[in-house]
Amino acid sequence: MNAKADKAQETVAGTVGDDVRTVHRLRVVDRHVRRAVCGAGDPSGVTDVWLRAVNCPACLTTDSDGEA
């Protein structure tokens, strides 16, 4: 695999906590741990993966490494 394909597997779209309307780009830390790229939510909070388009403005303007 090339580096671009590897990078694509590091993030997924999903929601954080009880807010199911805002879809974030979630960085996959390990099999059970995902964190919003924009920093939303609790570090120990619940995240759910969705097959929906990311609509969080902060996640859309932040690259997958968490840098604006």
PDB file of N, CA and C in Angstrom:
ATOM      1  N   MET A   1       0.821  -1.193   0.000  1.00  0.00           N
ATOM      2  CA  MET A   1       0.000   0.000   0.000  1.00  0.00           C
ATOM      3  C   MET A   1       0.861   1.251   0.000  1.00  0.00           C
ATOM      4  N   ASN A   2       0.333   2.313  -0.580  1.00  0.00           N
ATOM      5  CA  ASN A   2       1.072   3.564  -0.555  1.00  0.00           C
ATOM      6  C   ASN A   2       0.673   4.395   0.664  1.00  0.00           C
ATOM      7  N   ALA A   3       1.394   5.455   0.916  1.00  0.00           N
ATOM      8  CA  ALA A   3       1.163   6.282   2.103  1.00  0.00           C
ATOM      9  C   ALA A   3      -0.220   6.914   2.087  1.00  0.00           C
ATOM     10  N   LYS A   4      -0.716   7.277   0.913  1.00  0.00           N
ATOM     11  CA  LYS A   4      -2.036   7.895   0.815  1.00  0.00           C
ATOM     12  C   LYS A   4      -3.129   6.914   1.241  1.00  0.00           C
ATOM     13  N   ALA A   5      -3.024   5.669   0.837  1.00  0.00           N
ATOM     14  CA  ALA A   5      -3.995   4.651   1.229  1.00  0.00           C
ATOM     15  C   ALA A   5      -3.924   4.380   2.723  1.00  0.00           C
ATOM     16  N   ASP A   6      -2.714   4.357   3.295  1.00  0.00           N
ATOM     17  CA  ASP A   6      -2.562   4.168   4.731  1.00  0.00           C
ATOM     18  C   ASP A   6      -3.223   5.300   5.495  1.00  0.00           C
ATOM     19  N   LYS A   7      -3.051   6.533   5.039  1.00  0.00           N
ATOM     20  CA  LYS A   7      -3.612   7.702   5.706  1.00  0.00           C
ATOM     21  C   LYS A   7      -5.139   7.664   5.668  1.00  0.00           C
ATOM     22  N   ALA A   8      -5.721   7.172   4.583  1.00  0.00           N
ATOM     23  CA  ALA A   8      -7.167   7.104   4.453  1.00  0.00           C
ATOM     24  C   ALA A   8      -7.773   6.154   5.482  1.00  0.00           C
ATOM     25  N   GLN A   9      -7.051   5.163   5.917  1.00  0.00           N
ATOM     26  CA  GLN A   9      -7.563   4.209   6.879  1.00  0.00           C
ATOM     27  C   GLN A   9      -7.450   4.714   8.314  1.00  0.00           C
ATOM     28  N   GLU A  10      -6.784   5.808   8.537  1.00  0.00           N
ATOM     29  CA  GLU A  10      -6.593   6.321   9.885  1.00  0.00           C
ATOM     30  C   GLU A  10      -7.762   7.149  10.387  1.00  0.00           C
ATOM     31  N   THR A  11      -8.683   7.566   9.527  1.00  0.00           N
ATOM     32  CA  THR A  11      -9.832   8.360   9.957  1.00  0.00           C
ATOM     33  C   THR A  11     -11.123   7.762   9.423  1.00  0.00           C
ATOM     34  N   VAL A  12     -12.188   7.977  10.198  1.00  0.00           N
ATOM     35  CA  VAL A  12     -13.535   7.556   9.811  1.00  0.00           C
ATOM     36  C   VAL A  12     -14.495   8.687  10.162  1.00  0.00           C
ATOM     37  N   ALA A  13     -15.684   8.656   9.605  1.00  0.00           N
ATOM     38  CA  ALA A  13     -16.706   9.646   9.944  1.00  0.00           C
ATOM     39  C   ALA A  13     -17.559   9.097  11.074  1.00  0.00           C
ATOM     40  N   GLY A  14     -17.917   9.970  12.009  1.00  0.00           N
ATOM     41  CA  GLY A  14     -18.762   9.502  13.096  1.00  0.00           C
ATOM     42  C   GLY A  14     -19.181  10.615  14.033  1.00  0.00           C
ATOM     43  N   THR A  15     -19.986  10.245  15.017  1.00  0.00           N
ATOM     44  CA  THR A  15     -20.492  11.200  15.985  1.00  0.00           C
ATOM     45  C   THR A  15     -19.807  11.016  17.329  1.00  0.00           C
ATOM     46  N   VAL A  16     -19.905  12.069  18.151  1.00  0.00           N
ATOM     47  CA  VAL A  16     -19.264  12.080  19.458  1.00  0.00           C
ATOM     48  C   VAL A  16     -20.334  12.343  20.508  1.00  0.00           C
ATOM     49  N   GLY A  17     -20.417  11.468  21.511  1.00  0.00           N
ATOM     50  CA  GLY A  17     -21.373  11.666  22.599  1.00  0.00           C
ATOM     51  C   GLY A  17     -22.813  11.568  22.133  1.00  0.00           C
ATOM     52  N   ASP A  18     -23.662  12.442  22.701  1.00  0.00           N
ATOM     53  CA  ASP A  18     -25.103  12.407  22.404  1.00  0.00           C
ATOM     54  C   ASP A  18     -25.487  13.175  21.143  1.00  0.00           C
ATOM     55  N   ASP A  19     -24.582  13.953  20.588  1.00  0.00           N
ATOM     56  CA  ASP A  19     -24.872  14.756  19.402  1.00  0.00           C
ATOM     57  C   ASP A  19     -24.768  13.876  18.161  1.00  0.00           C
ATOM     58  N   VAL A  20     -25.928  13.458  17.630  1.00  0.00           N
ATOM     59  CA  VAL A  20     -25.912  12.588  16.451  1.00  0.00           C
ATOM     60  C   VAL A  20     -26.100  13.368  15.153  1.00  0.00           C
ATOM     61  N   ARG A  21     -26.188  14.690  15.244  1.00  0.00           N
ATOM     62  CA  ARG A  21     -26.336  15.495  14.036  1.00  0.00           C
ATOM     63  C   ARG A  21     -25.004  15.958  13.477  1.00  0.00           C
ATOM     64  N   THR A  22     -24.050  16.226  14.350  1.00  0.00           N
ATOM     65  CA  THR A  22     -22.740  16.695  13.899  1.00  0.00           C
ATOM     66  C   THR A  22     -21.840  15.496  13.657  1.00  0.00           C
ATOM     67  N   VAL A  23     -21.428  15.335  12.413  1.00  0.00           N
ATOM     68  CA  VAL A  23     -20.561  14.215  12.035  1.00  0.00           C
ATOM     69  C   VAL A  23     -19.131  14.734  11.948  1.00  0.00           C
ATOM     70  N   HIS A  24     -18.259  14.137  12.738  1.00  0.00           N
ATOM     71  CA  HIS A  24     -16.859  14.543  12.825  1.00  0.00           C
ATOM     72  C   HIS A  24     -15.970  13.587  12.043  1.00  0.00           C
ATOM     73  N   ARG A  25     -14.767  14.047  11.756  1.00  0.00           N
ATOM     74  CA  ARG A  25     -13.730  13.150  11.257  1.00  0.00           C
ATOM     75  C   ARG A  25     -13.059  12.582  12.506  1.00  0.00           C
ATOM     76  N   LEU A  26     -13.120  11.274  12.671  1.00  0.00           N
ATOM     77  CA  LEU A  26     -12.578  10.621  13.851  1.00  0.00           C
ATOM     78  C   LEU A  26     -11.258   9.953  13.518  1.00  0.00           C
ATOM     79  N   ARG A  27     -10.237  10.285  14.288  1.00  0.00           N
ATOM     80  CA  ARG A  27      -8.929   9.643  14.146  1.00  0.00           C
ATOM     81  C   ARG A  27      -8.989   8.318  14.898  1.00  0.00           C
ATOM     82  N   VAL A  28      -8.630   7.233  14.227  1.00  0.00           N
ATOM     83  CA  VAL A  28      -8.634   5.915  14.843  1.00  0.00           C
ATOM     84  C   VAL A  28      -7.332   5.743  15.617  1.00  0.00           C
ATOM     85  N   VAL A  29      -7.450   5.680  16.951  1.00  0.00           N
ATOM     86  CA  VAL A  29      -6.289   5.506  17.815  1.00  0.00           C
ATOM     87  C   VAL A  29      -5.946   4.029  17.907  1.00  0.00           C
ATOM     88  N   ASP A  30      -6.952   3.221  18.178  1.00  0.00           N
ATOM     89  CA  ASP A  30      -6.824   1.764  18.109  1.00  0.00           C
ATOM     90  C   ASP A  30      -8.200   1.193  17.799  1.00  0.00           C
ATOM     91  N   ARG A  31      -8.351  -0.090  17.905  1.00  0.00           N
ATOM     92  CA  ARG A  31      -9.580  -0.755  17.481  1.00  0.00           C
ATOM     93  C   ARG A  31     -10.840  -0.209  18.168  1.00  0.00           C
ATOM     94  N   HIS A  32     -10.722   0.188  19.415  1.00  0.00           N
ATOM     95  CA  HIS A  32     -11.888   0.629  20.174  1.00  0.00           C
ATOM     96  C   HIS A  32     -11.868   2.111  20.543  1.00  0.00           C
ATOM     97  N   VAL A  33     -10.829   2.819  20.174  1.00  0.00           N
ATOM     98  CA  VAL A  33     -10.688   4.223  20.574  1.00  0.00           C
ATOM     99  C   VAL A  33     -10.594   5.110  19.337  1.00  0.00           C
ATOM    100  N   ARG A  34     -11.498   6.107  19.280  1.00  0.00           N
ATOM    101  CA  ARG A  34     -11.498   7.084  18.199  1.00  0.00           C
ATOM    102  C   ARG A  34     -11.646   8.464  18.828  1.00  0.00           C
ATOM    103  N   ARG A  35     -10.980   9.464  18.250  1.00  0.00           N
ATOM    104  CA  ARG A  35     -11.020  10.837  18.745  1.00  0.00           C
ATOM    105  C   ARG A  35     -11.358  11.783  17.600  1.00  0.00           C
ATOM    106  N   ALA A  36     -12.201  12.763  17.876  1.00  0.00           N
ATOM    107  CA  ALA A  36     -12.550  13.763  16.865  1.00  0.00           C
ATOM    108  C   ALA A  36     -11.313  14.596  16.539  1.00  0.00           C
ATOM    109  N   VAL A  37     -11.074  14.816  15.275  1.00  0.00           N
ATOM    110  CA  VAL A  37      -9.923  15.602  14.829  1.00  0.00           C
ATOM    111  C   VAL A  37      -9.993  17.014  15.393  1.00  0.00           C
ATOM    112  N   CYS A  38     -11.207  17.559  15.546  1.00  0.00           N
ATOM    113  CA  CYS A  38     -11.380  18.922  16.038  1.00  0.00           C
ATOM    114  C   CYS A  38     -11.277  19.014  17.560  1.00  0.00           C
ATOM    115  N   GLY A  39     -11.216  17.886  18.249  1.00  0.00           N
ATOM    116  CA  GLY A  39     -11.099  17.891  19.701  1.00  0.00           C
ATOM    117  C   GLY A  39     -12.425  17.825  20.433  1.00  0.00           C
ATOM    118  N   ALA A  40     -13.523  17.685  19.729  1.00  0.00           N
ATOM    119  CA  ALA A  40     -14.838  17.627  20.374  1.00  0.00           C
ATOM    120  C   ALA A  40     -14.971  16.380  21.235  1.00  0.00           C
ATOM    121  N   GLY A  41     -15.743  16.506  22.287  1.00  0.00           N
ATOM    122  CA  GLY A  41     -16.058  15.358  23.134  1.00  0.00           C
ATOM    123  C   GLY A  41     -15.052  15.087  24.222  1.00  0.00           C
ATOM    124  N   ASP A  42     -15.428  14.195  25.100  1.00  0.00           N
ATOM    125  CA  ASP A  42     -14.589  13.738  26.209  1.00  0.00           C
ATOM    126  C   ASP A  42     -13.550  12.744  25.703  1.00  0.00           C
ATOM    127  N   PRO A  43     -12.346  12.752  26.240  1.00  0.00           N
ATOM    128  CA  PRO A  43     -11.368  11.740  25.843  1.00  0.00           C
ATOM    129  C   PRO A  43     -11.858  10.311  26.103  1.00  0.00           C
ATOM    130  N   SER A  44     -12.696  10.143  27.120  1.00  0.00           N
ATOM    131  CA  SER A  44     -13.228   8.810  27.413  1.00  0.00           C
ATOM    132  C   SER A  44     -14.663   8.662  26.920  1.00  0.00           C
ATOM    133  N   GLY A  45     -15.129   9.631  26.114  1.00  0.00           N
ATOM    134  CA  GLY A  45     -16.505   9.626  25.633  1.00  0.00           C
ATOM    135  C   GLY A  45     -16.758   8.600  24.544  1.00  0.00           C
ATOM    136  N   VAL A  46     -18.035   8.415  24.280  1.00  0.00           N
ATOM    137  CA  VAL A  46     -18.484   7.444  23.286  1.00  0.00           C
ATOM    138  C   VAL A  46     -18.429   8.065  21.895  1.00  0.00           C
ATOM    139  N   THR A  47     -17.932   7.304  20.938  1.00  0.00           N
ATOM    140  CA  THR A  47     -17.972   7.708  19.532  1.00  0.00           C
ATOM    141  C   THR A  47     -18.642   6.597  18.750  1.00  0.00           C
ATOM    142  N   ASP A  48     -19.383   6.970  17.722  1.00  0.00           N
ATOM    143  CA  ASP A  48     -20.047   6.006  16.855  1.00  0.00           C
ATOM    144  C   ASP A  48     -19.654   6.294  15.418  1.00  0.00           C
ATOM    145  N   VAL A  49     -19.289   5.263  14.694  1.00  0.00           N
ATOM    146  CA  VAL A  49     -18.917   5.401  13.284  1.00  0.00           C
ATOM    147  C   VAL A  49     -20.191   5.402  12.451  1.00  0.00           C
ATOM    148  N   TRP A  50     -20.260   6.347  11.510  1.00  0.00           N
ATOM    149  CA  TRP A  50     -21.408   6.468  10.611  1.00  0.00           C
ATOM    150  C   TRP A  50     -20.903   6.492   9.170  1.00  0.00           C
ATOM    151  N   LEU A  51     -21.729   6.024   8.275  1.00  0.00           N
ATOM    152  CA  LEU A  51     -21.445   6.161   6.845  1.00  0.00           C
ATOM    153  C   LEU A  51     -22.177   7.399   6.349  1.00  0.00           C
ATOM    154  N   ARG A  52     -21.772   8.540   6.890  1.00  0.00           N
ATOM    155  CA  ARG A  52     -22.343   9.830   6.529  1.00  0.00           C
ATOM    156  C   ARG A  52     -21.195  10.790   6.234  1.00  0.00           C
ATOM    157  N   ALA A  53     -21.520  11.850   5.539  1.00  0.00           N
ATOM    158  CA  ALA A  53     -20.508  12.859   5.225  1.00  0.00           C
ATOM    159  C   ALA A  53     -20.185  13.679   6.469  1.00  0.00           C
ATOM    160  N   VAL A  54     -18.929  14.012   6.628  1.00  0.00           N
ATOM    161  CA  VAL A  54     -18.486  14.869   7.727  1.00  0.00           C
ATOM    162  C   VAL A  54     -19.097  16.252   7.512  1.00  0.00           C
ATOM    163  N   ASN A  55     -19.735  16.811   8.567  1.00  0.00           N
ATOM    164  CA  ASN A  55     -20.322  18.147   8.458  1.00  0.00           C
ATOM    165  C   ASN A  55     -19.842  19.092   9.562  1.00  0.00           C
ATOM    166  N   CYS A  56     -18.904  18.672  10.375  1.00  0.00           N
ATOM    167  CA  CYS A  56     -18.339  19.524  11.413  1.00  0.00           C
ATOM    168  C   CYS A  56     -17.399  20.530  10.749  1.00  0.00           C
ATOM    169  N   PRO A  57     -17.699  21.839  10.867  1.00  0.00           N
ATOM    170  CA  PRO A  57     -16.851  22.841  10.217  1.00  0.00           C
ATOM    171  C   PRO A  57     -15.386  22.761  10.661  1.00  0.00           C
ATOM    172  N   ALA A  58     -15.151  22.506  11.944  1.00  0.00           N
ATOM    173  CA  ALA A  58     -13.769  22.433  12.443  1.00  0.00           C
ATOM    174  C   ALA A  58     -13.034  21.223  11.870  1.00  0.00           C
ATOM    175  N   CYS A  59     -13.714  20.099  11.768  1.00  0.00           N
ATOM    176  CA  CYS A  59     -13.079  18.905  11.191  1.00  0.00           C
ATOM    177  C   CYS A  59     -12.802  19.083   9.702  1.00  0.00           C
ATOM    178  N   LEU A  60     -13.677  19.800   9.022  1.00  0.00           N
ATOM    179  CA  LEU A  60     -13.488  20.021   7.590  1.00  0.00           C
ATOM    180  C   LEU A  60     -12.325  20.957   7.293  1.00  0.00           C
ATOM    181  N   THR A  61     -12.010  21.867   8.222  1.00  0.00           N
ATOM    182  CA  THR A  61     -10.920  22.808   7.993  1.00  0.00           C
ATOM    183  C   THR A  61      -9.615  22.370   8.650  1.00  0.00           C
ATOM    184  N   THR A  62      -9.648  21.243   9.342  1.00  0.00           N
ATOM    185  CA  THR A  62      -8.462  20.708  10.002  1.00  0.00           C
ATOM    186  C   THR A  62      -8.024  19.448   9.274  1.00  0.00           C
ATOM    187  N   ASP A  63      -6.726  19.316   9.013  1.00  0.00           N
ATOM    188  CA  ASP A  63      -6.269  18.091   8.355  1.00  0.00           C
ATOM    189  C   ASP A  63      -6.345  16.925   9.343  1.00  0.00           C
ATOM    190  N   SER A  64      -6.138  15.714   8.870  1.00  0.00           N
ATOM    191  CA  SER A  64      -6.306  14.508   9.694  1.00  0.00           C
ATOM    192  C   SER A  64      -5.282  14.392  10.816  1.00  0.00           C
ATOM    193  N   ASP A  65      -4.196  15.173  10.765  1.00  0.00           N
ATOM    194  CA  ASP A  65      -3.210  15.150  11.837  1.00  0.00           C
ATOM    195  C   ASP A  65      -3.579  16.108  12.962  1.00  0.00           C
ATOM    196  N   GLY A  66      -4.695  16.839  12.814  1.00  0.00           N
ATOM    197  CA  GLY A  66      -5.123  17.759  13.847  1.00  0.00           C
ATOM    198  C   GLY A  66      -4.513  19.138  13.723  1.00  0.00           C
ATOM    199  N   GLU A  67      -3.952  19.473  12.561  1.00  0.00           N
ATOM    200  CA  GLU A  67      -3.337  20.782  12.349  1.00  0.00           C
ATOM    201  C   GLU A  67      -4.189  21.581  11.382  1.00  0.00           C
ATOM    202  N   ALA A  68      -4.436  22.837  11.713  1.00  0.00           N
ATOM    203  CA  ALA A  68      -5.247  23.701  10.839  1.00  0.00           C
ATOM    204  C   ALA A  68      -4.443  24.189   9.657  1.00  0.00           C
TER     205      ALA A  68
END
